[in-house]
Amino acid sequence: MEKLKKQRLERAGWTAGSARDFLELSDEETARVEVELELVDVAGRRAAARDPSLRSG
């Protein structure tokens, strides 16, 4: 997040943090989410390699 935007939000009473903090995830849960996100990324890259119409940008 941009520094100025973060400061503006904090002055308005908002807090900035991680998804882990917001969801109160344990170390194990955080690790699982990270693994799952990596698997989704790998699967997407493999699919895009097979089918060029799936490529982003």
Protein backbone atom coordinates (compact mmCIF):
# COMPACT_ATOMS: atom_id res chain seq x y z
CA MET A 1 0.00 0.00 0.00
CA GLU A 2 1.23 3.48 -0.73
CA LYS A 3 2.71 5.18 2.32
CA LEU A 4 0.51 8.29 2.09
CA LYS A 5 -2.66 6.24 1.62
CA LYS A 6 -1.77 4.09 4.62
CA GLN A 7 -1.15 7.17 6.76
CA ARG A 8 -4.45 8.73 5.66
CA LEU A 9 -6.37 5.55 6.52
CA GLU A 10 -4.66 5.23 9.90
CA ARG A 11 -5.56 8.84 10.75
CA ALA A 12 -9.17 7.95 9.93
CA GLY A 13 -9.04 5.10 12.45
CA TRP A 14 -8.25 2.18 10.16
CA THR A 15 -5.40 -0.23 10.76
CA ALA A 16 -3.21 -1.91 8.18
CA GLY A 17 -2.05 -5.44 8.72
CA SER A 18 -1.66 -8.81 7.13
CA ALA A 19 -4.33 -11.32 6.24
CA ARG A 20 -2.78 -13.53 8.90
CA ASP A 21 -3.44 -10.91 11.57
CA PHE A 22 -6.95 -10.17 10.30
CA LEU A 23 -7.95 -13.83 10.17
CA GLU A 24 -5.97 -14.72 13.31
CA LEU A 25 -4.27 -17.64 11.55
CA SER A 26 -1.84 -19.95 13.33
CA ASP A 27 1.61 -20.68 11.91
CA GLU A 28 0.31 -23.94 10.46
CA GLU A 29 -2.70 -22.28 8.85
CA THR A 30 -0.52 -19.56 7.38
CA ALA A 31 1.85 -22.15 5.92
CA ARG A 32 -1.07 -24.06 4.39
CA VAL A 33 -2.48 -20.91 2.77
CA GLU A 34 0.95 -20.07 1.33
CA VAL A 35 1.32 -23.59 -0.11
CA GLU A 36 -2.17 -23.48 -1.60
CA LEU A 37 -1.51 -20.09 -3.21
CA GLU A 38 1.72 -21.40 -4.71
CA LEU A 39 -0.08 -24.46 -6.08
CA VAL A 40 -2.74 -22.25 -7.69
CA ASP A 41 0.00 -20.14 -9.26
CA VAL A 42 1.83 -23.19 -10.62
CA ALA A 43 -1.39 -24.70 -11.97
CA GLY A 44 -2.24 -21.43 -13.69
CA ARG A 45 1.19 -21.17 -15.31
CA ARG A 46 0.97 -24.78 -16.51
CA ALA A 47 -2.49 -24.22 -17.96
CA ALA A 48 -1.32 -21.04 -19.70
CA ALA A 49 1.63 -22.93 -21.17
CA ARG A 50 -0.80 -25.45 -22.69
CA ASP A 51 -3.40 -22.91 -23.82
CA PRO A 52 -2.11 -19.45 -24.82
CA SER A 53 -5.61 -17.97 -24.53
CA LEU A 54 -5.30 -18.36 -20.72
CA ARG A 55 -2.28 -16.06 -20.51
CA SER A 56 -2.83 -12.77 -18.73
CA GLY A 57 -1.69 -9.41 -20.02
